[in-house]
Amino acid sequence: NNKFTVTLKANPDFNAAVHKYKINWMADP
């Protein structure tokens, strides 16, 4: 529940960039 990362996860620009670059660290957990 870290407030920085919770806030970051809800940031629309961040989410758009994650989608754009197809980022998925959990592909190799």
PDB file of all heavy atoms in Angstrom:
ATOM      1  N   ASN A   1       0.817  -1.218   0.000  1.00  0.00           N
ATOM      2  CA  ASN A   1       0.000   0.000   0.000  1.00  0.00           C
ATOM      3  C   ASN A   1       0.853   1.272   0.000  1.00  0.00           C
ATOM      4  O   ASN A   1       0.376   2.330   0.417  1.00  0.00           O
ATOM      5  CB  ASN A   1      -0.935  -0.010   1.215  1.00  0.00           C
ATOM      6  CG  ASN A   1      -1.862  -1.213   1.207  1.00  0.00           C
ATOM      7  OD1 ASN A   1      -2.552  -1.459   0.228  1.00  0.00           O
ATOM      8  ND2 ASN A   1      -1.869  -1.982   2.293  1.00  0.00           N
ATOM      9  N   ASN A   2       2.087   1.139  -0.439  1.00  0.00           N
ATOM     10  CA  ASN A   2       2.986   2.291  -0.512  1.00  0.00           C
ATOM     11  C   ASN A   2       2.319   3.409  -1.321  1.00  0.00           C
ATOM     12  O   ASN A   2       1.918   3.205  -2.475  1.00  0.00           O
ATOM     13  CB  ASN A   2       4.298   1.875  -1.168  1.00  0.00           C
ATOM     14  CG  ASN A   2       5.299   3.000  -1.256  1.00  0.00           C
ATOM     15  OD1 ASN A   2       5.250   3.816  -2.169  1.00  0.00           O
ATOM     16  ND2 ASN A   2       6.216   3.038  -0.311  1.00  0.00           N
ATOM     17  N   LYS A   3       2.205   4.571  -0.734  1.00  0.00           N
ATOM     18  CA  LYS A   3       1.409   5.629  -1.359  1.00  0.00           C
ATOM     19  C   LYS A   3       2.014   6.156  -2.653  1.00  0.00           C
ATOM     20  O   LYS A   3       1.284   6.589  -3.552  1.00  0.00           O
ATOM     21  CB  LYS A   3       1.174   6.759  -0.359  1.00  0.00           C
ATOM     22  CG  LYS A   3       0.184   6.368   0.730  1.00  0.00           C
ATOM     23  CD  LYS A   3      -0.233   7.550   1.577  1.00  0.00           C
ATOM     24  CE  LYS A   3      -1.337   7.123   2.560  1.00  0.00           C
ATOM     25  NZ  LYS A   3      -1.752   8.233   3.445  1.00  0.00           N
ATOM     26  N   PHE A   4       3.337   6.130  -2.757  1.00  0.00           N
ATOM     27  CA  PHE A   4       3.931   6.599  -4.010  1.00  0.00           C
ATOM     28  C   PHE A   4       3.563   5.674  -5.163  1.00  0.00           C
ATOM     29  O   PHE A   4       3.094   6.123  -6.216  1.00  0.00           O
ATOM     30  CB  PHE A   4       5.454   6.708  -3.896  1.00  0.00           C
ATOM     31  CG  PHE A   4       6.116   6.973  -5.221  1.00  0.00           C
ATOM     32  CD1 PHE A   4       6.053   8.229  -5.809  1.00  0.00           C
ATOM     33  CD2 PHE A   4       6.764   5.946  -5.915  1.00  0.00           C
ATOM     34  CE1 PHE A   4       6.643   8.473  -7.051  1.00  0.00           C
ATOM     35  CE2 PHE A   4       7.352   6.177  -7.146  1.00  0.00           C
ATOM     36  CZ  PHE A   4       7.294   7.440  -7.717  1.00  0.00           C
ATOM     37  N   THR A   5       3.772   4.368  -4.986  1.00  0.00           N
ATOM     38  CA  THR A   5       3.499   3.449  -6.093  1.00  0.00           C
ATOM     39  C   THR A   5       1.997   3.287  -6.336  1.00  0.00           C
ATOM     40  O   THR A   5       1.578   3.079  -7.474  1.00  0.00           O
ATOM     41  CB  THR A   5       4.148   2.075  -5.848  1.00  0.00           C
ATOM     42  OG1 THR A   5       3.749   1.570  -4.565  1.00  0.00           O
ATOM     43  CG2 THR A   5       5.656   2.173  -5.911  1.00  0.00           C
ATOM     44  N   VAL A   6       1.190   3.395  -5.290  1.00  0.00           N
ATOM     45  CA  VAL A   6      -0.262   3.354  -5.476  1.00  0.00           C
ATOM     46  C   VAL A   6      -0.711   4.527  -6.341  1.00  0.00           C
ATOM     47  O   VAL A   6      -1.520   4.383  -7.266  1.00  0.00           O
ATOM     48  CB  VAL A   6      -0.999   3.368  -4.122  1.00  0.00           C
ATOM     49  CG1 VAL A   6      -2.490   3.641  -4.314  1.00  0.00           C
ATOM     50  CG2 VAL A   6      -0.809   2.040  -3.394  1.00  0.00           C
ATOM     51  N   THR A   7      -0.158   5.703  -6.047  1.00  0.00           N
ATOM     52  CA  THR A   7      -0.478   6.899  -6.826  1.00  0.00           C
ATOM     53  C   THR A   7       0.043   6.777  -8.251  1.00  0.00           C
ATOM     54  O   THR A   7      -0.637   7.141  -9.219  1.00  0.00           O
ATOM     55  CB  THR A   7       0.118   8.150  -6.159  1.00  0.00           C
ATOM     56  OG1 THR A   7      -0.368   8.252  -4.823  1.00  0.00           O
ATOM     57  CG2 THR A   7      -0.260   9.415  -6.913  1.00  0.00           C
ATOM     58  N   LEU A   8       1.255   6.234  -8.384  1.00  0.00           N
ATOM     59  CA  LEU A   8       1.849   6.056  -9.713  1.00  0.00           C
ATOM     60  C   LEU A   8       1.016   5.088 -10.549  1.00  0.00           C
ATOM     61  O   LEU A   8       0.764   5.339 -11.734  1.00  0.00           O
ATOM     62  CB  LEU A   8       3.284   5.546  -9.576  1.00  0.00           C
ATOM     63  CG  LEU A   8       4.042   5.260 -10.878  1.00  0.00           C
ATOM     64  CD1 LEU A   8       4.178   6.526 -11.721  1.00  0.00           C
ATOM     65  CD2 LEU A   8       5.417   4.673 -10.567  1.00  0.00           C
ATOM     66  N   LYS A   9       0.575   3.992  -9.945  1.00  0.00           N
ATOM     67  CA  LYS A   9      -0.218   2.991 -10.677  1.00  0.00           C
ATOM     68  C   LYS A   9      -1.520   3.565 -11.218  1.00  0.00           C
ATOM     69  O   LYS A   9      -2.047   3.091 -12.226  1.00  0.00           O
ATOM     70  CB  LYS A   9      -0.536   1.808  -9.764  1.00  0.00           C
ATOM     71  CG  LYS A   9       0.603   0.838  -9.566  1.00  0.00           C
ATOM     72  CD  LYS A   9       0.151  -0.396  -8.809  1.00  0.00           C
ATOM     73  CE  LYS A   9      -0.237  -0.074  -7.377  1.00  0.00           C
ATOM     74  NZ  LYS A   9      -0.599  -1.301  -6.619  1.00  0.00           N
ATOM     75  N   ALA A  10      -2.037   4.592 -10.536  1.00  0.00           N
ATOM     76  CA  ALA A  10      -3.303   5.191 -10.962  1.00  0.00           C
ATOM     77  C   ALA A  10      -3.109   6.361 -11.910  1.00  0.00           C
ATOM     78  O   ALA A  10      -4.092   6.930 -12.401  1.00  0.00           O
ATOM     79  CB  ALA A  10      -4.090   5.645  -9.728  1.00  0.00           C
ATOM     80  N   ASN A  11      -1.842   6.713 -12.168  1.00  0.00           N
ATOM     81  CA  ASN A  11      -1.546   7.847 -13.046  1.00  0.00           C
ATOM     82  C   ASN A  11      -1.843   7.490 -14.498  1.00  0.00           C
ATOM     83  O   ASN A  11      -1.287   6.512 -15.016  1.00  0.00           O
ATOM     84  CB  ASN A  11      -0.079   8.259 -12.890  1.00  0.00           C
ATOM     85  CG  ASN A  11       0.281   9.472 -13.711  1.00  0.00           C
ATOM     86  OD1 ASN A  11       0.552   9.360 -14.896  1.00  0.00           O
ATOM     87  ND2 ASN A  11       0.274  10.635 -13.090  1.00  0.00           N
ATOM     88  N   PRO A  12      -2.701   8.220 -15.181  1.00  0.00           N
ATOM     89  CA  PRO A  12      -3.085   7.854 -16.553  1.00  0.00           C
ATOM     90  C   PRO A  12      -1.924   7.902 -17.540  1.00  0.00           C
ATOM     91  O   PRO A  12      -1.855   7.072 -18.468  1.00  0.00           O
ATOM     92  CB  PRO A  12      -4.169   8.878 -16.905  1.00  0.00           C
ATOM     93  CG  PRO A  12      -3.969  10.017 -15.945  1.00  0.00           C
ATOM     94  CD  PRO A  12      -3.442   9.414 -14.690  1.00  0.00           C
ATOM     95  N   ASP A  13      -1.010   8.848 -17.387  1.00  0.00           N
ATOM     96  CA  ASP A  13       0.135   8.934 -18.298  1.00  0.00           C
ATOM     97  C   ASP A  13       1.052   7.721 -18.130  1.00  0.00           C
ATOM     98  O   ASP A  13       1.578   7.183 -19.111  1.00  0.00           O
ATOM     99  CB  ASP A  13       0.929  10.217 -18.052  1.00  0.00           C
ATOM    100  CG  ASP A  13       0.148  11.458 -18.431  1.00  0.00           C
ATOM    101  OD1 ASP A  13      -0.742  11.355 -19.301  1.00  0.00           O
ATOM    102  OD2 ASP A  13       0.408  12.534 -17.861  1.00  0.00           O
ATOM    103  N   PHE A  14       1.226   7.283 -16.888  1.00  0.00           N
ATOM    104  CA  PHE A  14       2.051   6.106 -16.627  1.00  0.00           C
ATOM    105  C   PHE A  14       1.415   4.867 -17.245  1.00  0.00           C
ATOM    106  O   PHE A  14       2.083   4.075 -17.919  1.00  0.00           O
ATOM    107  CB  PHE A  14       2.229   5.912 -15.122  1.00  0.00           C
ATOM    108  CG  PHE A  14       2.916   4.627 -14.744  1.00  0.00           C
ATOM    109  CD1 PHE A  14       4.258   4.437 -15.023  1.00  0.00           C
ATOM    110  CD2 PHE A  14       2.212   3.601 -14.121  1.00  0.00           C
ATOM    111  CE1 PHE A  14       4.903   3.240 -14.687  1.00  0.00           C
ATOM    112  CE2 PHE A  14       2.838   2.412 -13.786  1.00  0.00           C
ATOM    113  CZ  PHE A  14       4.185   2.231 -14.071  1.00  0.00           C
ATOM    114  N   ASN A  15       0.130   4.710 -17.040  1.00  0.00           N
ATOM    115  CA  ASN A  15      -0.563   3.542 -17.592  1.00  0.00           C
ATOM    116  C   ASN A  15      -0.542   3.527 -19.114  1.00  0.00           C
ATOM    117  O   ASN A  15      -0.401   2.472 -19.743  1.00  0.00           O
ATOM    118  CB  ASN A  15      -2.008   3.498 -17.079  1.00  0.00           C
ATOM    119  CG  ASN A  15      -2.083   3.055 -15.626  1.00  0.00           C
ATOM    120  OD1 ASN A  15      -1.536   2.023 -15.271  1.00  0.00           O
ATOM    121  ND2 ASN A  15      -2.739   3.832 -14.794  1.00  0.00           N
ATOM    122  N   ALA A  16      -0.673   4.710 -19.716  1.00  0.00           N
ATOM    123  CA  ALA A  16      -0.613   4.798 -21.180  1.00  0.00           C
ATOM    124  C   ALA A  16       0.767   4.395 -21.687  1.00  0.00           C
ATOM    125  O   ALA A  16       0.891   3.701 -22.708  1.00  0.00           O
ATOM    126  CB  ALA A  16      -0.958   6.216 -21.624  1.00  0.00           C
ATOM    127  N   ALA A  17       1.810   4.808 -20.968  1.00  0.00           N
ATOM    128  CA  ALA A  17       3.177   4.473 -21.380  1.00  0.00           C
ATOM    129  C   ALA A  17       3.461   2.981 -21.195  1.00  0.00           C
ATOM    130  O   ALA A  17       4.113   2.355 -22.040  1.00  0.00           O
ATOM    131  CB  ALA A  17       4.181   5.298 -20.574  1.00  0.00           C
ATOM    132  N   VAL A  18       2.974   2.404 -20.111  1.00  0.00           N
ATOM    133  CA  VAL A  18       3.144   0.972 -19.885  1.00  0.00           C
ATOM    134  C   VAL A  18       2.488   0.180 -21.019  1.00  0.00           C
ATOM    135  O   VAL A  18       3.049  -0.797 -21.525  1.00  0.00           O
ATOM    136  CB  VAL A  18       2.539   0.555 -18.517  1.00  0.00           C
ATOM    137  CG1 VAL A  18       2.448  -0.964 -18.407  1.00  0.00           C
ATOM    138  CG2 VAL A  18       3.371   1.121 -17.373  1.00  0.00           C
ATOM    139  N   HIS A  19       1.318   0.628 -21.429  1.00  0.00           N
ATOM    140  CA  HIS A  19       0.606  -0.026 -22.532  1.00  0.00           C
ATOM    141  C   HIS A  19       1.356   0.172 -23.855  1.00  0.00           C
ATOM    142  O   HIS A  19       1.504  -0.770 -24.642  1.00  0.00           O
ATOM    143  CB  HIS A  19      -0.810   0.541 -22.642  1.00  0.00           C
ATOM    144  CG  HIS A  19      -1.603  -0.030 -23.777  1.00  0.00           C
ATOM    145  ND1 HIS A  19      -2.109  -1.308 -23.766  1.00  0.00           N
ATOM    146  CD2 HIS A  19      -1.956   0.508 -24.989  1.00  0.00           C
ATOM    147  CE1 HIS A  19      -2.752  -1.545 -24.901  1.00  0.00           C
ATOM    148  NE2 HIS A  19      -2.675  -0.461 -25.661  1.00  0.00           N
ATOM    149  N   LYS A  20       1.831   1.383 -24.091  1.00  0.00           N
ATOM    150  CA  LYS A  20       2.541   1.691 -25.332  1.00  0.00           C
ATOM    151  C   LYS A  20       3.780   0.808 -25.510  1.00  0.00           C
ATOM    152  O   LYS A  20       4.029   0.269 -26.600  1.00  0.00           O
ATOM    153  CB  LYS A  20       2.956   3.171 -25.342  1.00  0.00           C
ATOM    154  CG  LYS A  20       3.861   3.553 -26.515  1.00  0.00           C
ATOM    155  CD  LYS A  20       4.345   4.994 -26.402  1.00  0.00           C
ATOM    156  CE  LYS A  20       5.331   5.329 -27.512  1.00  0.00           C
ATOM    157  NZ  LYS A  20       5.833   6.729 -27.401  1.00  0.00           N
ATOM    158  N   TYR A  21       4.557   0.653 -24.428  1.00  0.00           N
ATOM    159  CA  TYR A  21       5.810  -0.089 -24.516  1.00  0.00           C
ATOM    160  C   TYR A  21       5.655  -1.584 -24.191  1.00  0.00           C
ATOM    161  O   TYR A  21       6.643  -2.311 -24.175  1.00  0.00           O
ATOM    162  CB  TYR A  21       6.853   0.542 -23.595  1.00  0.00           C
ATOM    163  CG  TYR A  21       7.217   1.960 -23.980  1.00  0.00           C
ATOM    164  CD1 TYR A  21       7.027   3.017 -23.082  1.00  0.00           C
ATOM    165  CD2 TYR A  21       7.740   2.259 -25.235  1.00  0.00           C
ATOM    166  CE1 TYR A  21       7.358   4.314 -23.429  1.00  0.00           C
ATOM    167  CE2 TYR A  21       8.074   3.551 -25.586  1.00  0.00           C
ATOM    168  CZ  TYR A  21       7.884   4.587 -24.677  1.00  0.00           C
ATOM    169  OH  TYR A  21       8.212   5.869 -25.026  1.00  0.00           O
ATOM    170  N   LYS A  22       4.393  -1.990 -23.901  1.00  0.00           N
ATOM    171  CA  LYS A  22       4.104  -3.406 -23.619  1.00  0.00           C
ATOM    172  C   LYS A  22       4.998  -3.941 -22.504  1.00  0.00           C
ATOM    173  O   LYS A  22       5.654  -4.999 -22.616  1.00  0.00           O
ATOM    174  CB  LYS A  22       4.269  -4.247 -24.886  1.00  0.00           C
ATOM    175  CG  LYS A  22       3.321  -3.867 -26.016  1.00  0.00           C
ATOM    176  CD  LYS A  22       3.546  -4.732 -27.242  1.00  0.00           C
ATOM    177  CE  LYS A  22       2.516  -4.468 -28.339  1.00  0.00           C
ATOM    178  NZ  LYS A  22       2.544  -3.066 -28.827  1.00  0.00           N
ATOM    179  N   ILE A  23       5.025  -3.213 -21.411  1.00  0.00           N
ATOM    180  CA  ILE A  23       5.896  -3.569 -20.292  1.00  0.00           C
ATOM    181  C   ILE A  23       5.255  -4.648 -19.424  1.00  0.00           C
ATOM    182  O   ILE A  23       4.104  -4.530 -19.024  1.00  0.00           O
ATOM    183  CB  ILE A  23       6.218  -2.320 -19.444  1.00  0.00           C
ATOM    184  CG1 ILE A  23       7.029  -1.334 -20.306  1.00  0.00           C
ATOM    185  CG2 ILE A  23       6.975  -2.694 -18.185  1.00  0.00           C
ATOM    186  CD1 ILE A  23       7.297  -0.012 -19.649  1.00  0.00           C
ATOM    187  N   ASN A  24       6.042  -5.685 -19.140  1.00  0.00           N
ATOM    188  CA  ASN A  24       5.535  -6.774 -18.304  1.00  0.00           C
ATOM    189  C   ASN A  24       6.705  -7.474 -17.613  1.00  0.00           C
ATOM    190  O   ASN A  24       7.268  -8.445 -18.146  1.00  0.00           O
ATOM    191  CB  ASN A  24       4.725  -7.768 -19.144  1.00  0.00           C
ATOM    192  CG  ASN A  24       4.195  -8.922 -18.306  1.00  0.00           C
ATOM    193  OD1 ASN A  24       4.118  -8.821 -17.081  1.00  0.00           O
ATOM    194  ND2 ASN A  24       3.832 -10.009 -18.949  1.00  0.00           N
ATOM    195  N   TRP A  25       7.079  -6.984 -16.450  1.00  0.00           N
ATOM    196  CA  TRP A  25       8.173  -7.606 -15.710  1.00  0.00           C
ATOM    197  C   TRP A  25       7.820  -9.010 -15.230  1.00  0.00           C
ATOM    198  O   TRP A  25       8.688  -9.859 -15.065  1.00  0.00           O
ATOM    199  CB  TRP A  25       8.545  -6.748 -14.502  1.00  0.00           C
ATOM    200  CG  TRP A  25       9.422  -5.589 -14.845  1.00  0.00           C
ATOM    201  CD1 TRP A  25       9.077  -4.277 -14.930  1.00  0.00           C
ATOM    202  CD2 TRP A  25      10.829  -5.637 -15.148  1.00  0.00           C
ATOM    203  NE1 TRP A  25      10.158  -3.499 -15.282  1.00  0.00           N
ATOM    204  CE2 TRP A  25      11.245  -4.313 -15.414  1.00  0.00           C
ATOM    205  CE3 TRP A  25      11.760  -6.673 -15.223  1.00  0.00           C
ATOM    206  CZ2 TRP A  25      12.561  -4.001 -15.745  1.00  0.00           C
ATOM    207  CZ3 TRP A  25      13.082  -6.367 -15.550  1.00  0.00           C
ATOM    208  CH2 TRP A  25      13.470  -5.037 -15.812  1.00  0.00           C
ATOM    209  N   MET A  26       6.534  -9.249 -15.006  1.00  0.00           N
ATOM    210  CA  MET A  26       6.137 -10.546 -14.459  1.00  0.00           C
ATOM    211  C   MET A  26       6.176 -11.664 -15.503  1.00  0.00           C
ATOM    212  O   MET A  26       5.865 -12.806 -15.202  1.00  0.00           O
ATOM    213  CB  MET A  26       4.756 -10.450 -13.821  1.00  0.00           C
ATOM    214  CG  MET A  26       4.720  -9.535 -12.597  1.00  0.00           C
ATOM    215  SD  MET A  26       6.050  -9.874 -11.401  1.00  0.00           S
ATOM    216  CE  MET A  26       5.487 -11.455 -10.747  1.00  0.00           C
ATOM    217  N   ALA A  27       6.561 -11.329 -16.729  1.00  0.00           N
ATOM    218  CA  ALA A  27       6.801 -12.383 -17.717  1.00  0.00           C
ATOM    219  C   ALA A  27       7.978 -13.241 -17.253  1.00  0.00           C
ATOM    220  O   ALA A  27       8.104 -14.408 -17.626  1.00  0.00           O
ATOM    221  CB  ALA A  27       7.092 -11.777 -19.082  1.00  0.00           C
ATOM    222  N   ASP A  28       8.843 -12.645 -16.455  1.00  0.00           N
ATOM    223  CA  ASP A  28       9.940 -13.379 -15.812  1.00  0.00           C
ATOM    224  C   ASP A  28       9.990 -12.928 -14.355  1.00  0.00           C
ATOM    225  O   ASP A  28      10.779 -12.062 -13.979  1.00  0.00           O
ATOM    226  CB  ASP A  28      11.268 -13.093 -16.507  1.00  0.00           C
ATOM    227  CG  ASP A  28      12.380 -14.039 -16.054  1.00  0.00           C
ATOM    228  OD1 ASP A  28      12.199 -14.709 -15.020  1.00  0.00           O
ATOM    229  OD2 ASP A  28      13.411 -14.105 -16.734  1.00  0.00           O
ATOM    230  N   PRO A  29       9.124 -13.500 -13.507  1.00  0.00           N
ATOM    231  CA  PRO A  29       8.969 -13.023 -12.128  1.00  0.00           C
ATOM    232  C   PRO A  29      10.210 -13.150 -11.255  1.00  0.00           C
ATOM    233  O   PRO A  29      10.271 -12.544 -10.181  1.00  0.00           O
ATOM    234  CB  PRO A  29       7.828 -13.900 -11.588  1.00  0.00           C
ATOM    235  CG  PRO A  29       7.831 -15.117 -12.452  1.00  0.00           C
ATOM    236  CD  PRO A  29       8.242 -14.629 -13.802  1.00  0.00           C
TER     237      PRO A  29
END
